[in-house]
Amino acid sequence: MNKDRMTPERNFDLIKTNFSAHSSDLLKECFSNFLKKPVLYKEQFLQNKMNTVFDGYSFLGQEDSLNQYDTDLLHSFVLSEFSSKESFPVEFHNFFENEWSVLQKEIKKLERKLISTLNIKGLEELYNHKIGHMVSCNYYPNTKNISAKNFEHRLSEHKDVSLFTVFVYGNSNGFCYKNTQGKNIKLGEIDQIVVFPGYLLEVLTKGKIKATEHQVEFDKNNTEERFSFAFFSIPKPKETLELTGISSEDYYQQYLDLF
């Protein structure tokens, strides 16, 4: 990895690494197979049914999702290490059996490298003992027949719950973020792994490093369906975060109170 790509400023917004993106084909197939299932089947896996951190399904228009607004134009499913493989739909088991551990190992290596460059006292120990991983699988249906007058975004502007967010599959068109000067940047389609700071890093540094605000824009010239997969490093359940003195559950709630 090029050193310049992993030596951020004290306050950084987004890093395009020199690592080639992995193929999302397997996870995309798993998620697509789940989305084709009947509504009653999919509703068995709603977040309030799984009841483990953010794990579970959210549908377009849902009012009580933990990770999207009811006006956001997407379906999502959060998978994590905090639930057993068997508790997730069988459609995702192939991903867990063949890719999850490989990707998680690479993501940890990348994140540890980044942590070493940030030189924040206590962060490495916290990461090694109190941080786990989840992935948010996102499907944006075709918007050809939806009026742009009624929607500004396919996904509203927000900060992620993560310490770091990693786009291990690269990025597709539509993603926009605010840089450290507050300017909106369209990332565009890229084939490298991308990393940016989440709200947990903002909390741990007392705002010295800000979480990157981002969204998926509504573009009348780009109405095609869209898949994206974001990997998050977040506190494991039922832990105390020494750098803040709060529990994981208090942190989750602090994050949800932003919305």
Foldseek 3Di string as FASTA:
>chain_A
DPPVQQQDDLAWFKGFDPAFFDDCVLVVQLVVVLVPDDPVVQVCFDCVNLVFQQAGKDAAQDPDHLAAHNPAQKIKGKFWPQDDLVVDDPSCNVCVVPPDVVVQVVVVVSVLSNVVSNPDPPPNVCLVPWKTKMKMKIKGAFCQPPDCVVDFANTDKDFDLAQKKKQRQFDAWQKWWATPVRDIDTPHGDRTMMMGGGPVVCVLVVNSHDGIIMGGGDDNVDRHMDIGMIMGIATHAPAQRVSRRHHSVVSSVVRSVVD
